[in-house]
């Protein structure tokens, strides 16, 4: 077990480019019994941060599939420090660690692997029976929630919902690949860049990605066609944070989401779907980025604005009737 309580992890390379660490725990829960982690109700638990767009994907999929009563959740403090994510039930909308009674997320990693010394990230899918992490890769967690827990969905409609239908898999994968690289991770590459060259390369990439999304949404209602898919679930967290924090905090200020008529309408439509909008916690989002990132905002002052109304009519239903 690492004795240093601080996560002194290098975030950038010698060129000043932000480098995201690969996820370390990649096991799967399988409904067909082919995995050491069988599907059971109330066996699995999500550890999340409301501020994290990757964690938000898992909460959103859990809601869309009606799995709130089958998979439990704990929410960490919005404040990230050098000691990592912490449980702080004194904070609004945060919880203790109800499964293991631990104080820090890194302790959950070390519970699974005593020698673990990498980044202790969220989300985490945790097995309460084996008392270990199953998976900490959001893209794989949401696919498990989409396909492996259908017997525990709250309604027949949620059981039938497939966010990764076979006929759209290739297109969804292609969209996910470039949207993740250019937009979802691109904003972090811009924000955490430590050289002008790295920043400019990243920020141009971000807006090339957004331009591509705008073009797609000018021709169809959702990213992969006329139905909500995994591609929409994955991009939502990045888009809803963009004008709130990425424009100012990460210097992604060439354009705002509200300057893209199709993305802005699309974002409002998704937000107004209860399962989507209920996963957005603006206080957690703004305070996490603006207080936790001392290297970007040393004073920790949280911006008062911008004022954004996600509930104005979106008009997407008139442009693209389903």
C-alpha atoms as a PDB file:
ATOM      1  CA  UNK A   1       0.000   0.000   0.000  1.00  0.00           C
ATOM      2  CA  UNK A   2       1.354   3.431  -0.906  1.00  0.00           C
ATOM      3  CA  UNK A   3       2.253   5.372   2.206  1.00  0.00           C
ATOM      4  CA  UNK A   4       1.968   8.816   0.619  1.00  0.00           C
ATOM      5  CA  UNK A   5      -1.565  10.129   1.092  1.00  0.00           C
ATOM      6  CA  UNK A   6      -1.196  12.606  -1.735  1.00  0.00           C
ATOM      7  CA  UNK A   7      -1.910  11.799  -5.367  1.00  0.00           C
ATOM      8  CA  UNK A   8       1.216  13.404  -6.801  1.00  0.00           C
ATOM      9  CA  UNK A   9       0.453  12.174 -10.300  1.00  0.00           C
ATOM     10  CA  UNK A  10       2.033  13.834 -13.341  1.00  0.00           C
ATOM     11  CA  UNK A  11      -0.743  15.149 -15.621  1.00  0.00           C
ATOM     12  CA  UNK A  12       1.270  16.406 -18.583  1.00  0.00           C
ATOM     13  CA  UNK A  13       4.161  15.273 -20.750  1.00  0.00           C
ATOM     14  CA  UNK A  14       7.355  17.092 -21.665  1.00  0.00           C
ATOM     15  CA  UNK A  15       5.491  19.054 -24.367  1.00  0.00           C
ATOM     16  CA  UNK A  16       2.992  20.388 -21.825  1.00  0.00           C
ATOM     17  CA  UNK A  17       0.205  18.163 -23.175  1.00  0.00           C
ATOM     18  CA  UNK A  18      -2.369  16.757 -20.750  1.00  0.00           C
ATOM     19  CA  UNK A  19      -2.318  12.941 -20.709  1.00  0.00           C
ATOM     20  CA  UNK A  20      -5.339  11.043 -19.379  1.00  0.00           C
ATOM     21  CA  UNK A  21      -4.459   7.825 -17.572  1.00  0.00           C
ATOM     22  CA  UNK A  22      -5.954   4.567 -18.800  1.00  0.00           C
ATOM     23  CA  UNK A  23      -8.519   2.896 -16.561  1.00  0.00           C
ATOM     24  CA  UNK A  24      -7.071   0.046 -14.506  1.00  0.00           C
ATOM     25  CA  UNK A  25      -9.991  -2.233 -13.589  1.00  0.00           C
ATOM     26  CA  UNK A  26     -11.747  -3.704 -16.596  1.00  0.00           C
ATOM     27  CA  UNK A  27     -13.863  -6.657 -15.442  1.00  0.00           C
ATOM     28  CA  UNK A  28     -17.438  -7.130 -16.608  1.00  0.00           C
ATOM     29  CA  UNK A  29     -20.710  -8.072 -14.989  1.00  0.00           C
ATOM     30  CA  UNK A  30     -22.363 -10.581 -17.327  1.00  0.00           C
ATOM     31  CA  UNK A  31     -25.939 -11.809 -17.388  1.00  0.00           C
ATOM     32  CA  UNK A  32     -25.004 -15.058 -19.130  1.00  0.00           C
ATOM     33  CA  UNK A  33     -22.839 -16.324 -16.260  1.00  0.00           C
ATOM     34  CA  UNK A  34     -19.591 -16.111 -18.238  1.00  0.00           C
ATOM     35  CA  UNK A  35     -17.999 -13.689 -15.757  1.00  0.00           C
ATOM     36  CA  UNK A  36     -16.925 -14.048 -12.109  1.00  0.00           C
ATOM     37  CA  UNK A  37     -19.322 -11.150 -11.540  1.00  0.00           C
ATOM     38  CA  UNK A  38     -22.893 -12.409 -12.031  1.00  0.00           C
ATOM     39  CA  UNK A  39     -25.904 -10.124 -12.358  1.00  0.00           C
ATOM     40  CA  UNK A  40     -27.768  -9.672  -9.072  1.00  0.00           C
ATOM     41  CA  UNK A  41     -29.978  -6.907  -7.763  1.00  0.00           C
ATOM     42  CA  UNK A  42     -28.421  -4.744  -5.033  1.00  0.00           C
ATOM     43  CA  UNK A  43     -25.044  -6.439  -5.383  1.00  0.00           C
ATOM     44  CA  UNK A  44     -23.317  -3.642  -7.298  1.00  0.00           C
ATOM     45  CA  UNK A  45     -22.633  -0.090  -6.245  1.00  0.00           C
ATOM     46  CA  UNK A  46     -21.567   3.087  -8.049  1.00  0.00           C
ATOM     47  CA  UNK A  47     -19.148   5.570  -6.564  1.00  0.00           C
ATOM     48  CA  UNK A  48     -19.518   8.876  -8.401  1.00  0.00           C
ATOM     49  CA  UNK A  49     -18.913  12.598  -8.353  1.00  0.00           C
ATOM     50  CA  UNK A  50     -21.729  14.870  -9.527  1.00  0.00           C
ATOM     51  CA  UNK A  51     -19.040  17.155 -10.954  1.00  0.00           C
ATOM     52  CA  UNK A  52     -17.483  14.527 -13.219  1.00  0.00           C
ATOM     53  CA  UNK A  53     -18.837  14.135 -16.779  1.00  0.00           C
ATOM     54  CA  UNK A  54     -17.655  10.514 -16.940  1.00  0.00           C
ATOM     55  CA  UNK A  55     -19.443   9.641 -13.713  1.00  0.00           C
ATOM     56  CA  UNK A  56     -22.524  11.457 -14.961  1.00  0.00           C
ATOM     57  CA  UNK A  57     -22.728   9.029 -17.877  1.00  0.00           C
ATOM     58  CA  UNK A  58     -23.175   6.134 -15.482  1.00  0.00           C
ATOM     59  CA  UNK A  59     -25.826   7.923 -13.401  1.00  0.00           C
ATOM     60  CA  UNK A  60     -27.693   8.853 -16.560  1.00  0.00           C
ATOM     61  CA  UNK A  61     -27.659   5.315 -17.950  1.00  0.00           C
ATOM     62  CA  UNK A  62     -28.788   3.976 -14.562  1.00  0.00           C
ATOM     63  CA  UNK A  63     -31.770   6.346 -14.673  1.00  0.00           C
ATOM     64  CA  UNK A  64     -32.656   5.724 -18.316  1.00  0.00           C
ATOM     65  CA  UNK A  65     -32.643   1.962 -17.696  1.00  0.00           C
ATOM     66  CA  UNK A  66     -34.634   2.216 -14.452  1.00  0.00           C
ATOM     67  CA  UNK A  67     -31.958   0.606 -12.287  1.00  0.00           C
ATOM     68  CA  UNK A  68     -32.150   2.921  -9.259  1.00  0.00           C
ATOM     69  CA  UNK A  69     -33.476   0.118  -7.071  1.00  0.00           C
ATOM     70  CA  UNK A  70     -30.967  -2.446  -8.351  1.00  0.00           C
ATOM     71  CA  UNK A  71     -27.698  -0.487  -8.178  1.00  0.00           C
ATOM     72  CA  UNK A  72     -26.878   1.727  -5.207  1.00  0.00           C
ATOM     73  CA  UNK A  73     -24.863   4.969  -5.320  1.00  0.00           C
ATOM     74  CA  UNK A  74     -22.545   7.069  -3.157  1.00  0.00           C
ATOM     75  CA  UNK A  75     -21.523  10.625  -4.053  1.00  0.00           C
ATOM     76  CA  UNK A  76     -18.149  12.112  -3.131  1.00  0.00           C
ATOM     77  CA  UNK A  77     -17.413  15.704  -2.149  1.00  0.00           C
ATOM     78  CA  UNK A  78     -17.173  18.109  -5.079  1.00  0.00           C
ATOM     79  CA  UNK A  79     -13.776  19.264  -3.753  1.00  0.00           C
ATOM     80  CA  UNK A  80     -10.819  17.356  -5.169  1.00  0.00           C
ATOM     81  CA  UNK A  81      -7.564  17.813  -3.249  1.00  0.00           C
ATOM     82  CA  UNK A  82      -4.079  16.321  -3.510  1.00  0.00           C
ATOM     83  CA  UNK A  83      -5.390  13.512  -1.311  1.00  0.00           C
ATOM     84  CA  UNK A  84      -7.982  12.745  -3.989  1.00  0.00           C
ATOM     85  CA  UNK A  85     -11.753  12.353  -3.845  1.00  0.00           C
ATOM     86  CA  UNK A  86     -13.161  12.352  -0.317  1.00  0.00           C
ATOM     87  CA  UNK A  87     -16.486  11.386   1.215  1.00  0.00           C
ATOM     88  CA  UNK A  88     -18.071  14.309   3.040  1.00  0.00           C
ATOM     89  CA  UNK A  89     -21.726  13.897   3.987  1.00  0.00           C
ATOM     90  CA  UNK A  90     -21.689  17.422   5.435  1.00  0.00           C
ATOM     91  CA  UNK A  91     -21.659  18.792   1.891  1.00  0.00           C
ATOM     92  CA  UNK A  92     -24.964  19.361   0.091  1.00  0.00           C
ATOM     93  CA  UNK A  93     -25.983  16.258  -1.911  1.00  0.00           C
ATOM     94  CA  UNK A  94     -22.892  14.275  -0.859  1.00  0.00           C
ATOM     95  CA  UNK A  95     -22.903  10.971   1.020  1.00  0.00           C
ATOM     96  CA  UNK A  96     -20.633   8.915   3.242  1.00  0.00           C
ATOM     97  CA  UNK A  97     -19.170   5.691   1.923  1.00  0.00           C
ATOM     98  CA  UNK A  98     -22.170   3.555   2.818  1.00  0.00           C
ATOM     99  CA  UNK A  99     -20.523   0.303   1.670  1.00  0.00           C
ATOM    100  CA  UNK A 100     -17.062   0.313   3.233  1.00  0.00           C
ATOM    101  CA  UNK A 101     -17.124   3.273   5.615  1.00  0.00           C
ATOM    102  CA  UNK A 102     -13.931   4.671   4.102  1.00  0.00           C
ATOM    103  CA  UNK A 103     -12.875   8.310   3.903  1.00  0.00           C
ATOM    104  CA  UNK A 104     -11.158   8.517   0.514  1.00  0.00           C
ATOM    105  CA  UNK A 105     -11.783   6.935  -2.879  1.00  0.00           C
ATOM    106  CA  UNK A 106      -8.114   5.924  -3.051  1.00  0.00           C
ATOM    107  CA  UNK A 107      -8.806   3.577  -0.107  1.00  0.00           C
ATOM    108  CA  UNK A 108     -11.385   1.738  -2.226  1.00  0.00           C
ATOM    109  CA  UNK A 109      -8.694   1.182  -4.852  1.00  0.00           C
ATOM    110  CA  UNK A 110      -6.261  -0.039  -2.216  1.00  0.00           C
ATOM    111  CA  UNK A 111      -8.946  -2.318  -0.781  1.00  0.00           C
ATOM    112  CA  UNK A 112      -9.028  -4.019  -4.173  1.00  0.00           C
ATOM    113  CA  UNK A 113      -5.290  -3.799  -4.846  1.00  0.00           C
ATOM    114  CA  UNK A 114      -3.074  -2.936  -1.838  1.00  0.00           C
ATOM    115  CA  UNK A 115      -0.225  -2.022  -4.206  1.00  0.00           C
ATOM    116  CA  UNK A 116      -2.312   0.388  -6.288  1.00  0.00           C
ATOM    117  CA  UNK A 117      -0.649   3.806  -6.664  1.00  0.00           C
ATOM    118  CA  UNK A 118      -2.312   5.264  -9.765  1.00  0.00           C
ATOM    119  CA  UNK A 119      -5.044   7.846 -10.022  1.00  0.00           C
ATOM    120  CA  UNK A 120      -8.077   7.040  -7.901  1.00  0.00           C
ATOM    121  CA  UNK A 121     -10.806   8.121 -10.284  1.00  0.00           C
ATOM    122  CA  UNK A 122     -14.583   7.935 -10.432  1.00  0.00           C
ATOM    123  CA  UNK A 123     -16.862   6.397 -11.542  1.00  0.00           C
ATOM    124  CA  UNK A 124     -16.318   3.026  -9.910  1.00  0.00           C
ATOM    125  CA  UNK A 125     -18.548  -0.027 -10.236  1.00  0.00           C
ATOM    126  CA  UNK A 126     -18.043  -1.955  -6.996  1.00  0.00           C
ATOM    127  CA  UNK A 127     -19.055  -5.505  -6.047  1.00  0.00           C
ATOM    128  CA  UNK A 128     -20.477  -5.520  -2.507  1.00  0.00           C
ATOM    129  CA  UNK A 129     -20.245  -9.320  -2.264  1.00  0.00           C
ATOM    130  CA  UNK A 130     -16.605  -9.748  -3.318  1.00  0.00           C
ATOM    131  CA  UNK A 131     -15.750  -6.361  -1.819  1.00  0.00           C
ATOM    132  CA  UNK A 132     -13.726  -5.183  -4.799  1.00  0.00           C
ATOM    133  CA  UNK A 133     -13.781  -2.877  -7.790  1.00  0.00           C
ATOM    134  CA  UNK A 134     -15.264  -4.452 -10.903  1.00  0.00           C
ATOM    135  CA  UNK A 135     -14.622  -1.650 -13.354  1.00  0.00           C
ATOM    136  CA  UNK A 136     -13.597   2.013 -13.374  1.00  0.00           C
ATOM    137  CA  UNK A 137     -14.011   2.714 -17.099  1.00  0.00           C
ATOM    138  CA  UNK A 138     -17.210   4.692 -17.685  1.00  0.00           C
ATOM    139  CA  UNK A 139     -17.648   3.567 -21.286  1.00  0.00           C
ATOM    140  CA  UNK A 140     -17.733  -0.078 -20.182  1.00  0.00           C
ATOM    141  CA  UNK A 141     -19.888   0.564 -17.120  1.00  0.00           C
ATOM    142  CA  UNK A 142     -22.621   2.193 -19.197  1.00  0.00           C
ATOM    143  CA  UNK A 143     -22.619  -0.741 -21.604  1.00  0.00           C
ATOM    144  CA  UNK A 144     -23.049  -3.147 -18.716  1.00  0.00           C
ATOM    145  CA  UNK A 145     -25.937  -1.088 -17.363  1.00  0.00           C
ATOM    146  CA  UNK A 146     -27.483  -0.975 -20.826  1.00  0.00           C
ATOM    147  CA  UNK A 147     -27.386  -4.689 -21.583  1.00  0.00           C
ATOM    148  CA  UNK A 148     -26.670  -6.874 -18.558  1.00  0.00           C
ATOM    149  CA  UNK A 149     -29.222  -5.757 -15.942  1.00  0.00           C
ATOM    150  CA  UNK A 150     -32.396  -5.866 -18.024  1.00  0.00           C
ATOM    151  CA  UNK A 151     -34.179  -8.267 -15.664  1.00  0.00           C
ATOM    152  CA  UNK A 152     -34.042  -5.565 -12.982  1.00  0.00           C
ATOM    153  CA  UNK A 153     -35.266  -2.580 -15.030  1.00  0.00           C
ATOM    154  CA  UNK A 154     -38.214  -0.829 -13.402  1.00  0.00           C
ATOM    155  CA  UNK A 155     -40.538  -0.896 -16.446  1.00  0.00           C
ATOM    156  CA  UNK A 156     -40.945  -2.922 -19.645  1.00  0.00           C
ATOM    157  CA  UNK A 157     -40.095   0.211 -21.648  1.00  0.00           C
ATOM    158  CA  UNK A 158     -36.805   0.629 -19.818  1.00  0.00           C
ATOM    159  CA  UNK A 159     -36.025  -3.052 -20.256  1.00  0.00           C
ATOM    160  CA  UNK A 160     -36.627  -2.683 -23.997  1.00  0.00           C
ATOM    161  CA  UNK A 161     -34.522   0.475 -24.295  1.00  0.00           C
ATOM    162  CA  UNK A 162     -31.232  -0.264 -26.046  1.00  0.00           C
ATOM    163  CA  UNK A 163     -28.725   2.583 -26.146  1.00  0.00           C
ATOM    164  CA  UNK A 164     -26.303   0.547 -28.261  1.00  0.00           C
ATOM    165  CA  UNK A 165     -28.472  -1.194 -30.887  1.00  0.00           C
ATOM    166  CA  UNK A 166     -26.700  -3.634 -33.177  1.00  0.00           C
ATOM    167  CA  UNK A 167     -27.622  -1.782 -36.379  1.00  0.00           C
ATOM    168  CA  UNK A 168     -25.998   1.432 -35.074  1.00  0.00           C
ATOM    169  CA  UNK A 169     -22.959   0.045 -33.254  1.00  0.00           C
ATOM    170  CA  UNK A 170     -20.424   0.959 -35.902  1.00  0.00           C
ATOM    171  CA  UNK A 171     -21.715   4.513 -36.248  1.00  0.00           C
ATOM    172  CA  UNK A 172     -21.941   4.995 -32.481  1.00  0.00           C
ATOM    173  CA  UNK A 173     -18.374   3.717 -32.039  1.00  0.00           C
ATOM    174  CA  UNK A 174     -17.086   6.079 -34.713  1.00  0.00           C
ATOM    175  CA  UNK A 175     -18.844   9.088 -33.151  1.00  0.00           C
ATOM    176  CA  UNK A 176     -17.661   8.127 -29.685  1.00  0.00           C
ATOM    177  CA  UNK A 177     -14.050   7.883 -30.820  1.00  0.00           C
ATOM    178  CA  UNK A 178     -13.703  11.368 -32.267  1.00  0.00           C
ATOM    179  CA  UNK A 179     -16.127  13.078 -29.842  1.00  0.00           C
ATOM    180  CA  UNK A 180     -14.191  11.680 -26.877  1.00  0.00           C
ATOM    181  CA  UNK A 181     -10.821  12.680 -28.292  1.00  0.00           C
ATOM    182  CA  UNK A 182     -11.730  16.086 -29.671  1.00  0.00           C
ATOM    183  CA  UNK A 183     -14.420  17.344 -27.291  1.00  0.00           C
ATOM    184  CA  UNK A 184     -14.862  15.412 -24.027  1.00  0.00           C
ATOM    185  CA  UNK A 185     -11.141  14.921 -23.421  1.00  0.00           C
ATOM    186  CA  UNK A 186     -10.153  17.815 -25.661  1.00  0.00           C
ATOM    187  CA  UNK A 187     -11.392  20.410 -23.186  1.00  0.00           C
ATOM    188  CA  UNK A 188      -9.134  18.864 -20.528  1.00  0.00           C
ATOM    189  CA  UNK A 189      -6.200  18.862 -22.935  1.00  0.00           C
ATOM    190  CA  UNK A 190      -6.802  22.574 -23.466  1.00  0.00           C
ATOM    191  CA  UNK A 191      -7.435  23.402 -19.823  1.00  0.00           C
ATOM    192  CA  UNK A 192      -4.520  21.484 -18.351  1.00  0.00           C
ATOM    193  CA  UNK A 193      -2.013  22.332 -21.086  1.00  0.00           C
ATOM    194  CA  UNK A 194       1.199  23.820 -19.700  1.00  0.00           C
ATOM    195  CA  UNK A 195       2.512  25.206 -22.975  1.00  0.00           C
ATOM    196  CA  UNK A 196       0.980  27.592 -25.518  1.00  0.00           C
ATOM    197  CA  UNK A 197       1.558  25.107 -28.313  1.00  0.00           C
ATOM    198  CA  UNK A 198      -0.233  22.307 -26.479  1.00  0.00           C
ATOM    199  CA  UNK A 199      -3.151  24.581 -25.574  1.00  0.00           C
ATOM    200  CA  UNK A 200      -3.651  25.907 -29.092  1.00  0.00           C
ATOM    201  CA  UNK A 201      -3.509  22.458 -30.629  1.00  0.00           C
ATOM    202  CA  UNK A 202      -6.072  21.158 -28.152  1.00  0.00           C
ATOM    203  CA  UNK A 203      -8.487  24.092 -28.334  1.00  0.00           C
ATOM    204  CA  UNK A 204      -8.573  23.998 -32.135  1.00  0.00           C
ATOM    205  CA  UNK A 205      -9.325  20.287 -31.891  1.00  0.00           C
ATOM    206  CA  UNK A 206     -12.215  20.997 -29.486  1.00  0.00           C
ATOM    207  CA  UNK A 207     -13.914  23.399 -31.862  1.00  0.00           C
ATOM    208  CA  UNK A 208     -13.324  21.212 -34.891  1.00  0.00           C
ATOM    209  CA  UNK A 209     -15.192  18.529 -32.939  1.00  0.00           C
ATOM    210  CA  UNK A 210     -18.015  20.886 -32.002  1.00  0.00           C
ATOM    211  CA  UNK A 211     -18.298  22.033 -35.631  1.00  0.00           C
ATOM    212  CA  UNK A 212     -18.669  18.380 -36.622  1.00  0.00           C
ATOM    213  CA  UNK A 213     -21.420  17.858 -34.025  1.00  0.00           C
ATOM    214  CA  UNK A 214     -23.211  20.994 -35.219  1.00  0.00           C
ATOM    215  CA  UNK A 215     -23.166  19.709 -38.784  1.00  0.00           C
ATOM    216  CA  UNK A 216     -24.555  16.298 -37.768  1.00  0.00           C
ATOM    217  CA  UNK A 217     -27.328  17.874 -35.695  1.00  0.00           C
ATOM    218  CA  UNK A 218     -28.322  20.138 -38.569  1.00  0.00           C
ATOM    219  CA  UNK A 219     -29.378  16.989 -40.442  1.00  0.00           C
ATOM    220  CA  UNK A 220     -30.841  14.734 -37.746  1.00  0.00           C
ATOM    221  CA  UNK A 221     -32.298  14.941 -34.292  1.00  0.00           C
ATOM    222  CA  UNK A 222     -29.691  12.951 -32.372  1.00  0.00           C
ATOM    223  CA  UNK A 223     -26.082  12.035 -33.033  1.00  0.00           C
ATOM    224  CA  UNK A 224     -26.744   8.581 -34.461  1.00  0.00           C
ATOM    225  CA  UNK A 225     -30.154   9.204 -36.011  1.00  0.00           C
ATOM    226  CA  UNK A 226     -33.701   9.611 -34.762  1.00  0.00           C
ATOM    227  CA  UNK A 227     -33.286   7.851 -31.419  1.00  0.00           C
ATOM    228  CA  UNK A 228     -31.268   8.571 -28.312  1.00  0.00           C
ATOM    229  CA  UNK A 229     -28.218   6.317 -28.107  1.00  0.00           C
ATOM    230  CA  UNK A 230     -25.056   5.883 -26.103  1.00  0.00           C
ATOM    231  CA  UNK A 231     -23.442   8.612 -28.226  1.00  0.00           C
ATOM    232  CA  UNK A 232     -25.897  11.172 -26.820  1.00  0.00           C
ATOM    233  CA  UNK A 233     -25.453   9.888 -23.264  1.00  0.00           C
ATOM    234  CA  UNK A 234     -21.686  10.248 -23.554  1.00  0.00           C
ATOM    235  CA  UNK A 235     -21.565  13.767 -25.028  1.00  0.00           C
ATOM    236  CA  UNK A 236     -24.275  15.297 -22.822  1.00  0.00           C
ATOM    237  CA  UNK A 237     -22.053  15.826 -19.776  1.00  0.00           C
ATOM    238  CA  UNK A 238     -19.433  17.661 -21.810  1.00  0.00           C
ATOM    239  CA  UNK A 239     -21.928  19.902 -23.580  1.00  0.00           C
ATOM    240  CA  UNK A 240     -23.833  20.855 -20.436  1.00  0.00           C
ATOM    241  CA  UNK A 241     -20.564  21.889 -18.750  1.00  0.00           C
ATOM    242  CA  UNK A 242     -19.203  23.803 -21.689  1.00  0.00           C
ATOM    243  CA  UNK A 243     -20.618  27.283 -21.226  1.00  0.00           C
ATOM    244  CA  UNK A 244     -20.787  26.849 -17.438  1.00  0.00           C
ATOM    245  CA  UNK A 245     -17.077  26.168 -16.949  1.00  0.00           C
ATOM    246  CA  UNK A 246     -15.081  25.175 -20.016  1.00  0.00           C
ATOM    247  CA  UNK A 247     -15.393  28.524 -21.830  1.00  0.00           C
ATOM    248  CA  UNK A 248     -13.824  30.465 -18.983  1.00  0.00           C
ATOM    249  CA  UNK A 249     -11.991  27.942 -16.829  1.00  0.00           C
ATOM    250  CA  UNK A 250     -10.421  25.852 -19.601  1.00  0.00           C
ATOM    251  CA  UNK A 251     -10.041  28.809 -22.029  1.00  0.00           C
ATOM    252  CA  UNK A 252     -12.247  27.087 -24.620  1.00  0.00           C
ATOM    253  CA  UNK A 253     -13.646  30.454 -25.630  1.00  0.00           C
ATOM    254  CA  UNK A 254     -13.599  30.571 -29.427  1.00  0.00           C
ATOM    255  CA  UNK A 255     -17.352  29.999 -29.380  1.00  0.00           C
ATOM    256  CA  UNK A 256     -19.981  29.041 -26.826  1.00  0.00           C
ATOM    257  CA  UNK A 257     -22.554  26.255 -27.097  1.00  0.00           C
ATOM    258  CA  UNK A 258     -25.272  28.910 -27.349  1.00  0.00           C
ATOM    259  CA  UNK A 259     -23.519  30.116 -30.519  1.00  0.00           C
ATOM    260  CA  UNK A 260     -24.251  26.763 -32.189  1.00  0.00           C
ATOM    261  CA  UNK A 261     -27.997  26.779 -32.983  1.00  0.00           C
ATOM    262  CA  UNK A 262     -28.320  23.030 -33.508  1.00  0.00           C
ATOM    263  CA  UNK A 263     -26.161  21.933 -30.571  1.00  0.00           C
ATOM    264  CA  UNK A 264     -27.891  24.454 -28.300  1.00  0.00           C
ATOM    265  CA  UNK A 265     -31.340  23.196 -29.246  1.00  0.00           C
ATOM    266  CA  UNK A 266     -30.203  19.582 -28.909  1.00  0.00           C
ATOM    267  CA  UNK A 267     -28.673  20.234 -25.488  1.00  0.00           C
ATOM    268  CA  UNK A 268     -31.872  21.862 -24.248  1.00  0.00           C
ATOM    269  CA  UNK A 269     -33.947  18.963 -25.536  1.00  0.00           C
ATOM    270  CA  UNK A 270     -31.796  16.429 -23.696  1.00  0.00           C
ATOM    271  CA  UNK A 271     -31.724  18.509 -20.519  1.00  0.00           C
ATOM    272  CA  UNK A 272     -35.511  18.721 -20.505  1.00  0.00           C
ATOM    273  CA  UNK A 273     -35.786  14.924 -20.467  1.00  0.00           C
ATOM    274  CA  UNK A 274     -36.075  14.280 -16.693  1.00  0.00           C
ATOM    275  CA  UNK A 275     -33.503  11.488 -16.642  1.00  0.00           C
ATOM    276  CA  UNK A 276     -30.948  13.795 -18.247  1.00  0.00           C
ATOM    277  CA  UNK A 277     -31.638  17.047 -16.432  1.00  0.00           C
ATOM    278  CA  UNK A 278     -31.804  15.427 -13.004  1.00  0.00           C
ATOM    279  CA  UNK A 279     -28.161  14.324 -13.313  1.00  0.00           C
ATOM    280  CA  UNK A 280     -26.938  17.938 -13.686  1.00  0.00           C
ATOM    281  CA  UNK A 281     -25.755  19.456 -10.392  1.00  0.00           C
ATOM    282  CA  UNK A 282     -24.479  22.921 -11.235  1.00  0.00           C
ATOM    283  CA  UNK A 283     -23.158  23.754  -7.761  1.00  0.00           C
ATOM    284  CA  UNK A 284     -20.972  20.629  -7.767  1.00  0.00           C
ATOM    285  CA  UNK A 285     -19.774  21.284 -11.316  1.00  0.00           C
ATOM    286  CA  UNK A 286     -18.747  24.904 -10.865  1.00  0.00           C
ATOM    287  CA  UNK A 287     -17.201  24.512  -7.423  1.00  0.00           C
ATOM    288  CA  UNK A 288     -15.235  21.412  -8.378  1.00  0.00           C
ATOM    289  CA  UNK A 289     -13.544  22.983 -11.375  1.00  0.00           C
ATOM    290  CA  UNK A 290     -13.063  26.475  -9.989  1.00  0.00           C
ATOM    291  CA  UNK A 291     -11.987  25.598  -6.447  1.00  0.00           C
ATOM    292  CA  UNK A 292     -10.179  22.276  -6.949  1.00  0.00           C
ATOM    293  CA  UNK A 293      -7.962  23.348  -9.850  1.00  0.00           C
ATOM    294  CA  UNK A 294      -5.555  25.643  -8.021  1.00  0.00           C
ATOM    295  CA  UNK A 295      -3.074  25.508 -10.890  1.00  0.00           C
ATOM    296  CA  UNK A 296      -5.712  27.142 -13.118  1.00  0.00           C
ATOM    297  CA  UNK A 297      -7.612  29.296 -10.595  1.00  0.00           C
ATOM    298  CA  UNK A 298      -5.293  29.920  -7.612  1.00  0.00           C
ATOM    299  CA  UNK A 299      -7.753  32.150  -5.735  1.00  0.00           C
ATOM    300  CA  UNK A 300     -10.538  29.567  -5.836  1.00  0.00           C
ATOM    301  CA  UNK A 301     -13.095  32.254  -6.637  1.00  0.00           C
ATOM    302  CA  UNK A 302     -16.211  30.759  -8.224  1.00  0.00           C
ATOM    303  CA  UNK A 303     -17.662  32.780 -11.101  1.00  0.00           C
ATOM    304  CA  UNK A 304     -21.200  34.036 -10.491  1.00  0.00           C
ATOM    305  CA  UNK A 305     -22.353  33.417 -14.038  1.00  0.00           C
ATOM    306  CA  UNK A 306     -23.162  32.646 -16.680  1.00  0.00           C
ATOM    307  CA  UNK A 307     -26.947  32.588 -16.463  1.00  0.00           C
ATOM    308  CA  UNK A 308     -28.115  29.780 -18.734  1.00  0.00           C
ATOM    309  CA  UNK A 309     -31.726  28.678 -19.116  1.00  0.00           C
ATOM    310  CA  UNK A 310     -31.750  25.072 -20.288  1.00  0.00           C
ATOM    311  CA  UNK A 311     -35.556  24.993 -20.113  1.00  0.00           C
ATOM    312  CA  UNK A 312     -36.419  27.355 -22.969  1.00  0.00           C
ATOM    313  CA  UNK A 313     -38.247  25.704 -25.908  1.00  0.00           C
ATOM    314  CA  UNK A 314     -35.806  23.760 -28.079  1.00  0.00           C
ATOM    315  CA  UNK A 315     -37.785  23.259 -31.285  1.00  0.00           C
ATOM    316  CA  UNK A 316     -36.027  20.020 -32.174  1.00  0.00           C
ATOM    317  CA  UNK A 317     -39.342  18.141 -32.296  1.00  0.00           C
ATOM    318  CA  UNK A 318     -40.585  20.481 -35.006  1.00  0.00           C
ATOM    319  CA  UNK A 319     -37.376  20.286 -37.038  1.00  0.00           C
ATOM    320  CA  UNK A 320     -37.119  16.510 -36.789  1.00  0.00           C
ATOM    321  CA  UNK A 321     -40.432  14.831 -35.916  1.00  0.00           C
ATOM    322  CA  UNK A 322     -39.868  11.292 -34.650  1.00  0.00           C
END
